[in-house]
């Protein structure tokens, strides 16, 4: 995908042409297999393989599956069973009103004023099986190539082509054919959330057009735009609006975070105290901030209900990223994310709810069929790609730069295995160097310890030493006989 998707000249829906040889190889691996040599047993064996799902970002999801991932029915799982609403004032579709995903007897279904002014007792949308989807797309004809297309004939929702993956004999029997990329979903959710809280220009979802959308939907009259003299527009403060003092507290909390080496980026370097915003966030940075630090940073700001809704959203992402998930907890997680989205709808404007805010409600379903999300996480690859980008010194020959640098590193790693205590040239000394020998990076340091602290340390060592344990047990037995 990284070789085929090349910005404005990307193949788009024509990607099936480039994937045709790959699909032929997958069919060969499934039907006949290939002979492979096993070095451990020193013999040949027949290797068979299958593609259980694809992993891609959301625009590429549409290219691979053939589904239109924008417009009124932008969710490829709900399809036309759950539709977005066009808000003319905002100039886009908004995807809110998640009450159908709640249990039938949930009290939120009866609320009117808190949502869009209507009670909602609809059932959740039906999820079509792979066989049912194949029946929809098998007769769709498409002409590949960059041809001049008739806009009136283009499909604006639903499936617009029969994906080349349907040529695989097992594709119509899979529960999940194309997996949602949790990494990008979490990053987009965090970006929308933190940009709206800090009111970052060009990124916040709380703008005059968003408030005009409230007026168009005839909800939350107290938050409508107030026209002032001239062209100025006043936006009444909402429940999620932070004062400058609260923004400083939030940014200061994040800037003061210190993490172990390799845990994440240096959070301090990502926070701009001058402009009160976050800069240069990578996917893994958003992952760490969303799950670990944001719930702590907002605990003293925001109204209680808004704060709890955001914290519950952070805890949801932390729960689905656990290495071990009890299958019995999946039903409660599905209800939990539906309740969280409904709570966010009570306070945030409809323009906040783009398709990325809706997609978390589909993640639990994929966990049920494909296992925990950490098995499909892409952060390791993203961080490795960042390392490879740093290897490029000649932008006209990026592949050669990466290959040459990797060759040097492999050669050095091989040589270092045969050298005791090597001294690196041009590289900083690790702060862990000499730690196990009792010497730090700056040499020995003398420290005078008080006598009581020395006794505490001495006692701790004695009681945790395996050689002393028999004497401790003998002493305990002696005390029991005396008493």
Foldseek 3Di string as FASTA:
>chain_A
DVVQQDPPPHQQLLVLVVCVVVLVVLQCLAPPADWDADPVVRDIDGGHDHDQAAEDALSVVCSQAQFQLFDFQNDPFLFVVATFDQQVLLRGTFRADLVQLAPQPDPLQVDAQLFLRDRDRHHRGDGDALLVLCVVAVPADDDGDDDDDDPVPADNGTGRHHGPNVVRVCQRVHRHHYDHAVLVLLLVLLQALQCQLQVPPPRYLPDLSLLVSCVVSVHDPVQHWDDDPDRDIDGPDFQSHDDLVLLLQLLVQQLPDDDDPPQDPNSVVQADSVSSGGPDDDSVNSLCCLQPRVLVSCPPDTDPLVSVLSNLVSVLSVQLQDQDHDPVCLVVSLNSLSVSSSSCSSTDGSSSRDPSSVVVSCNSVCCNRPNRCNVVHCVVVVVVVVVLVVQDPDPVCSVVSSVVVVVVVVVVVVVVVVDPPDDDPPDDDDQCPCVVVQAGPVGHDDDDDDPVVVVVVVVVCLVPDPVNVVVVVVVVVVVVVVD
